[in-house]
Amino acid sequence: MAPPKTPEDDARIAEYLRYLAHERRQSPHTLANYRRDLRRLLEAAEGCSWAQCDALFIRRQIARLHGQGLSGRSLARLLSAWRGFFRRLEHAGVVEANPCAGVKPPRREKRLPDALSVEEIQGLLDHAPADADDERLACRDQAMFELFYSSGLRLAELSGLDVDALAGILQEGEVRVCGKRNRERLVPVGEKARAALRAWAGMRGSLAAPGERALFVSLRGTRISMRTIQKRLERHALLAGARVHVHPHMLRHSFASHILQSSGDLRAVQEMLGHASIASTQVYTHLDFQHLSKVYDAAHPRARRKNGKGNTPDNA
């Protein structure tokens, strides 16, 4: 039978990606990953029809990619992309059943999210962004970074905010964001972030292009890109003397960890983060436990260590 790598199949993939973008509201980063995963599927299926791609074929491909070093996390995402694509083919009558339905990725090692301590966050945010080119950029960056940590936003959510959001932030102390899968949520905004945004509101008009709706804009006056935000934060962290690589999601992780440490309210953290499942939020309980363990080790008289050793007698 003819190989599936045809203009028609390219069109099917393009249609599936459009569906993910417009109906499921997946981020550009996720869409880029899915596009790459689907190209892998096309290459693997060369010489076969879609109907010949059964569960055994899928398992073999997963095993092959795992053997090439693809992590369990990457394979889980890849299987999600393949499963969704075959679901579309099934609805279109191209295949009788979804070959990915019962296939599971290799068990992946759980990684705790990277988070900064309260002291590290304060050092980062209290270090005023300095920009030799334009003080408006420093004001904008301060507002972005404060809002990131104050409300635990995702990078795409921050970049996607429109200037209309300022009214709710400055008057009500909350921001409405549209997260994954078009889910809206209201998140509180702290006073430090509101003050920074108030200052940015006074400068934004001199930088934004006429009619531009974005809250945060670039030197060109148009909506700032996610990549630019990432680079600005990395640069700011270096100038602030951060000892680790700081990325936007680290501020979100720090927000969640610090709120949970203070309140212990996992459900509230779930709502503020916009997680559909409580399981996604529970990872922060491990960070909280790490924090408590450090406090215990430092404070408990029977847990303290001397010269790298415990208090157990040498002749015990």
Protein backbone atom coordinates (compact mmCIF):
# COMPACT_ATOMS: atom_id res chain seq x y z
CA MET A 1 0.00 0.00 0.00
CA ALA A 2 1.10 3.59 -0.53
CA PRO A 3 3.08 5.30 2.26
CA PRO A 4 1.10 7.82 4.28
CA LYS A 5 3.53 10.67 3.66
CA THR A 6 1.38 12.47 1.11
CA PRO A 7 0.00 16.01 0.73
CA GLU A 8 -3.31 14.68 2.07
CA ASP A 9 -1.63 13.45 5.24
CA ASP A 10 0.21 16.73 5.64
CA ALA A 11 -3.19 18.43 5.38
CA ARG A 12 -4.62 16.10 8.04
CA ILE A 13 -1.79 16.99 10.41
CA ALA A 14 -2.23 20.70 9.70
CA GLU A 15 -5.97 20.39 10.40
CA TYR A 16 -5.28 18.56 13.67
CA LEU A 17 -2.83 21.27 14.78
CA ARG A 18 -5.38 23.97 13.93
CA TYR A 19 -7.93 22.11 16.06
CA LEU A 20 -5.47 22.05 18.97
CA ALA A 21 -4.71 25.75 18.57
CA HIS A 22 -8.27 27.06 18.21
CA GLU A 23 -10.49 24.51 19.96
CA ARG A 24 -8.15 23.24 22.69
CA ARG A 25 -6.19 26.49 22.98
CA GLN A 26 -2.84 24.76 23.28
CA SER A 27 0.19 27.01 23.66
CA PRO A 28 2.56 27.69 20.73
CA HIS A 29 5.24 25.72 22.60
CA THR A 30 2.96 22.66 22.86
CA LEU A 31 1.96 22.98 19.20
CA ALA A 32 5.62 23.05 18.13
CA ASN A 33 6.30 19.89 20.15
CA TYR A 34 3.23 18.13 18.72
CA ARG A 35 4.23 19.10 15.19
CA ARG A 36 7.65 17.51 15.75
CA ASP A 37 6.07 14.41 17.31
CA LEU A 38 3.73 13.94 14.35
CA ARG A 39 6.63 14.24 11.90
CA ARG A 40 8.23 11.36 13.81
CA LEU A 41 5.03 9.37 13.30
CA LEU A 42 5.06 10.06 9.56
CA GLU A 43 8.68 8.92 9.28
CA ALA A 44 8.01 5.76 11.30
CA ALA A 45 4.93 4.91 9.22
CA GLU A 46 6.74 5.27 5.88
CA GLY A 47 5.63 2.40 3.64
CA CYS A 48 2.50 1.61 5.68
CA SER A 49 -1.08 2.78 5.51
CA TRP A 50 -2.63 4.32 8.60
CA ALA A 51 -4.78 1.20 8.98
CA GLN A 52 -1.61 -0.90 9.27
CA CYS A 53 -0.37 1.15 12.23
CA ASP A 54 -1.67 -1.13 14.98
CA ALA A 55 -0.87 -1.22 18.71
CA LEU A 56 2.16 -3.45 18.12
CA PHE A 57 3.56 -0.92 15.65
CA ILE A 58 3.06 1.90 18.18
CA ARG A 59 4.74 -0.09 20.98
CA ARG A 60 7.71 -0.84 18.75
CA GLN A 61 8.14 2.82 17.90
CA ILE A 62 7.94 3.84 21.56
CA ALA A 63 10.53 1.19 22.46
CA ARG A 64 12.81 2.35 19.63
CA LEU A 65 12.63 6.01 20.64
CA HIS A 66 13.11 5.11 24.29
CA GLY A 67 16.22 3.17 23.30
CA GLN A 68 17.48 6.27 21.48
CA GLY A 69 17.34 8.21 24.73
CA LEU A 70 13.94 9.91 24.64
CA SER A 71 12.77 10.47 28.21
CA GLY A 72 9.55 9.15 29.69
CA ARG A 73 8.19 12.70 29.81
CA SER A 74 8.87 13.25 26.10
CA LEU A 75 7.38 9.88 25.19
CA ALA A 76 4.24 10.61 27.21
CA ARG A 77 3.77 13.86 25.28
CA LEU A 78 4.51 12.10 21.99
CA LEU A 79 1.91 9.41 22.74
CA SER A 80 -0.61 12.11 23.60
CA ALA A 81 -0.01 13.76 20.22
CA TRP A 82 -0.28 10.44 18.37
CA ARG A 83 -3.36 9.36 20.31
CA GLY A 84 -5.18 12.59 19.49
CA PHE A 85 -4.22 12.41 15.83
CA PHE A 86 -5.44 8.82 15.46
CA ARG A 87 -8.65 9.80 17.22
CA ARG A 88 -9.25 12.32 14.44
CA LEU A 89 -8.48 9.64 11.82
CA GLU A 90 -10.92 7.30 13.57
CA HIS A 91 -13.69 9.91 13.46
CA ALA A 92 -12.94 10.48 9.77
CA GLY A 93 -13.24 6.72 9.07
CA VAL A 94 -9.60 6.39 8.00
CA VAL A 95 -8.87 3.81 10.75
CA GLU A 96 -11.24 1.47 12.57
CA ALA A 97 -9.68 1.87 16.02
CA ASN A 98 -7.11 4.03 17.77
CA PRO A 99 -3.87 1.99 18.00
CA CYS A 100 -2.57 4.21 20.83
CA ALA A 101 -5.57 3.64 23.08
CA GLY A 102 -3.98 1.00 25.32
CA VAL A 103 -0.33 1.98 24.96
CA LYS A 104 1.42 3.52 27.96
CA PRO A 105 4.81 5.28 27.98
CA PRO A 106 7.70 3.97 30.09
CA ARG A 107 7.48 4.98 33.72
CA ARG A 108 9.17 8.31 34.10
CA GLU A 109 11.16 9.59 37.00
CA LYS A 110 9.27 12.28 38.87
CA ARG A 111 11.08 15.61 38.95
CA LEU A 112 10.26 18.25 41.49
CA PRO A 113 9.69 21.70 40.00
CA ASP A 114 12.48 24.26 40.42
CA ALA A 115 11.56 26.90 42.97
CA LEU A 116 13.41 29.77 44.59
CA SER A 117 13.37 30.44 48.32
CA VAL A 118 11.50 33.44 49.70
CA GLU A 119 14.83 35.19 50.26
CA GLU A 120 15.98 34.48 46.70
CA ILE A 121 12.70 35.80 45.28
CA GLN A 122 12.95 38.96 47.36
CA GLY A 123 16.53 39.52 46.20
CA LEU A 124 15.45 39.01 42.57
CA LEU A 125 12.46 41.35 42.68
CA ASP A 126 14.01 44.00 44.93
CA HIS A 127 16.86 44.40 42.43
CA ALA A 128 15.48 47.12 40.16
CA PRO A 129 15.82 46.25 36.46
CA ALA A 130 18.38 48.58 34.91
CA ASP A 131 18.16 49.27 31.20
CA ALA A 132 20.56 51.68 29.58
CA ASP A 133 18.46 51.88 26.41
CA ASP A 134 15.10 52.92 27.81
CA GLU A 135 13.81 53.31 31.37
CA ARG A 136 10.37 52.29 30.12
CA LEU A 137 11.71 48.78 29.52
CA ALA A 138 12.95 48.61 33.12
CA CYS A 139 9.52 49.71 34.34
CA ARG A 140 7.79 47.14 32.10
CA ASP A 141 10.12 44.34 33.23
CA GLN A 142 9.53 45.12 36.90
CA ALA A 143 5.77 44.96 36.34
CA MET A 144 6.04 41.64 34.46
CA PHE A 145 8.26 39.96 37.04
CA GLU A 146 6.19 41.18 40.00
CA LEU A 147 2.96 39.96 38.36
CA PHE A 148 4.56 36.60 37.51
CA TYR A 149 5.36 35.88 41.14
CA SER A 150 2.37 37.66 42.68
CA SER A 151 -0.21 35.64 40.72
CA GLY A 152 1.62 32.49 39.58
CA LEU A 153 0.86 33.03 35.90
CA ARG A 154 2.07 30.88 33.05
CA LEU A 155 4.37 32.52 30.51
CA ALA A 156 1.71 32.38 27.77
CA GLU A 157 -0.89 33.84 30.14
CA LEU A 158 1.33 36.81 31.00
CA SER A 159 2.23 37.49 27.36
CA GLY A 160 -1.42 37.18 26.35
CA LEU A 161 -2.79 39.76 28.79
CA ASP A 162 -4.52 42.75 27.21
CA VAL A 163 -4.44 46.30 28.55
CA ASP A 164 -8.10 45.90 29.59
CA ALA A 165 -6.84 43.71 32.45
CA LEU A 166 -5.39 46.80 34.17
CA ALA A 167 -8.79 47.94 35.44
CA GLY A 168 -9.38 44.74 37.40
CA ILE A 169 -5.80 44.68 38.67
CA LEU A 170 -5.69 48.27 39.92
CA GLN A 171 -9.27 48.56 41.16
CA GLU A 172 -10.13 45.05 42.36
CA GLY A 173 -6.68 43.59 43.01
CA GLU A 174 -7.26 40.60 40.76
CA VAL A 175 -6.47 39.53 37.22
CA ARG A 176 -8.60 37.39 34.91
CA VAL A 177 -6.52 35.05 32.77
CA CYS A 178 -7.39 32.54 30.09
CA GLY A 179 -5.35 29.39 30.68
CA LYS A 180 -5.04 26.00 29.06
CA ARG A 181 -8.06 24.65 27.18
CA ASN A 182 -9.74 28.06 27.36
CA ARG A 183 -10.30 27.85 31.12
CA GLU A 184 -10.67 31.26 32.75
CA ARG A 185 -9.75 32.02 36.34
CA LEU A 186 -9.45 35.03 38.64
CA VAL A 187 -6.19 35.34 40.55
CA PRO A 188 -5.34 37.86 43.30
CA VAL A 189 -2.65 40.46 42.61
CA GLY A 190 -0.49 41.67 45.52
CA GLU A 191 0.22 45.30 46.35
CA LYS A 192 3.85 45.20 45.15
CA ALA A 193 2.71 43.98 41.74
CA ARG A 194 -0.13 46.53 41.63
CA ALA A 195 2.32 49.36 42.37
CA ALA A 196 4.65 48.16 39.60
CA LEU A 197 1.73 47.86 37.17
CA ARG A 198 0.49 51.32 38.14
CA ALA A 199 3.89 52.72 37.20
CA TRP A 200 3.89 50.75 33.93
CA ALA A 201 0.39 52.01 33.09
CA GLY A 202 1.77 55.55 33.17
CA MET A 203 4.55 54.70 30.71
CA ARG A 204 2.91 52.15 28.42
CA GLY A 205 1.24 54.75 26.18
CA SER A 206 4.58 56.21 25.11
CA LEU A 207 5.78 52.78 23.93
CA ALA A 208 2.68 50.98 22.62
CA ALA A 209 1.70 51.31 18.96
CA PRO A 210 -1.67 52.98 18.22
CA GLY A 211 -4.49 50.51 18.75
CA GLU A 212 -2.26 47.85 20.35
CA ARG A 213 -4.29 45.82 22.87
CA ALA A 214 -1.41 44.04 24.64
CA LEU A 215 -0.66 44.98 28.23
CA PHE A 216 3.06 44.35 27.81
CA VAL A 217 4.69 45.58 24.61
CA SER A 218 8.15 45.48 23.06
CA LEU A 219 10.27 48.34 21.74
CA ARG A 220 8.39 47.96 18.46
CA GLY A 221 5.18 48.79 20.30
CA THR A 222 3.58 45.40 19.70
CA ARG A 223 2.81 42.50 22.04
CA ILE A 224 5.98 41.23 23.68
CA SER A 225 6.89 37.66 22.72
CA MET A 226 7.29 34.84 25.22
CA ARG A 227 10.90 34.37 24.13
CA THR A 228 11.68 38.01 24.83
CA ILE A 229 10.16 37.76 28.32
CA GLN A 230 12.27 34.68 28.99
CA LYS A 231 15.47 36.41 27.86
CA ARG A 232 14.69 39.56 29.88
CA LEU A 233 14.16 37.51 33.04
CA GLU A 234 17.38 35.55 32.49
CA ARG A 235 19.30 38.80 32.04
CA HIS A 236 17.71 40.38 35.09
CA ALA A 237 18.49 37.32 37.25
CA LEU A 238 22.17 37.49 36.24
CA LEU A 239 22.34 41.19 37.12
CA ALA A 240 20.63 40.47 40.43
CA GLY A 241 23.30 37.89 41.27
CA ALA A 242 21.13 34.77 41.09
CA ARG A 243 23.16 31.61 41.64
CA VAL A 244 20.87 29.44 39.50
CA HIS A 245 19.38 29.72 36.04
CA VAL A 246 16.04 31.51 36.46
CA HIS A 247 13.26 30.87 33.96
CA PRO A 248 9.66 32.18 33.91
CA HIS A 249 8.06 28.97 35.17
CA MET A 250 10.37 29.10 38.19
CA LEU A 251 8.46 32.18 39.41
CA ARG A 252 5.18 30.26 39.06
CA HIS A 253 6.63 27.30 40.97
CA SER A 254 7.94 29.64 43.68
CA PHE A 255 4.52 31.30 43.99
CA ALA A 256 2.81 27.91 44.48
CA SER A 257 5.40 26.62 46.91
CA HIS A 258 5.37 29.73 49.08
CA ILE A 259 1.56 29.97 49.19
CA LEU A 260 1.33 26.31 50.19
CA GLN A 261 4.00 26.73 52.88
CA SER A 262 2.07 29.64 54.38
CA SER A 263 -1.50 28.37 54.06
CA GLY A 264 -1.39 24.60 53.61
CA ASP A 265 -4.48 24.99 51.39
CA LEU A 266 -3.84 22.72 48.41
CA ARG A 267 -7.26 23.35 46.83
CA ALA A 268 -6.75 27.11 46.85
CA VAL A 269 -3.34 26.71 45.21
CA GLN A 270 -4.91 24.43 42.59
CA GLU A 271 -7.51 27.08 41.73
CA MET A 272 -4.96 29.89 41.56
CA LEU A 273 -2.67 27.87 39.31
CA GLY A 274 -5.55 26.77 37.08
CA HIS A 275 -4.80 23.05 37.37
CA ALA A 276 -7.60 20.81 36.13
CA SER A 277 -6.47 18.00 38.45
CA ILE A 278 -5.38 18.19 42.07
CA ALA A 279 -2.67 15.66 41.19
CA SER A 280 -0.83 18.37 39.25
CA THR A 281 -0.78 20.57 42.34
CA GLN A 282 0.26 17.85 44.77
CA VAL A 283 3.84 18.00 43.53
CA TYR A 284 4.21 21.19 45.56
CA THR A 285 3.53 19.26 48.76
CA HIS A 286 6.88 17.53 48.13
CA LEU A 287 8.57 20.92 47.91
CA ASP A 288 6.79 21.93 51.10
CA PHE A 289 8.03 18.77 52.81
CA GLN A 290 11.58 19.51 51.66
CA HIS A 291 11.28 22.96 53.23
CA LEU A 292 9.95 21.54 56.49
CA SER A 293 12.73 18.93 56.54
CA LYS A 294 15.36 21.64 56.27
CA VAL A 295 13.73 23.60 59.10
CA TYR A 296 13.60 20.42 61.20
CA ASP A 297 17.24 19.54 60.53
CA ALA A 298 18.33 23.05 61.44
CA ALA A 299 16.16 23.47 64.55
CA HIS A 300 15.60 20.10 66.23
CA PRO A 301 18.29 19.37 68.86
CA ARG A 302 18.28 15.66 68.05
CA ALA A 303 18.54 16.25 64.30
CA ARG A 304 21.44 18.68 64.23
CA ARG A 305 24.65 17.53 62.65
CA LYS A 306 28.17 18.37 63.74
CA ASN A 307 31.08 18.30 61.33
CA GLY A 308 28.91 16.50 58.79
CA LYS A 309 28.03 13.73 61.25
CA GLY A 310 24.97 13.04 63.35
CA ASN A 311 24.82 13.13 67.14
CA THR A 312 25.11 9.36 67.43
CA PRO A 313 28.14 8.45 69.62
CA ASP A 314 31.11 7.04 67.75
CA ASN A 315 31.07 3.81 69.75
CA ALA A 316 27.34 3.18 69.30
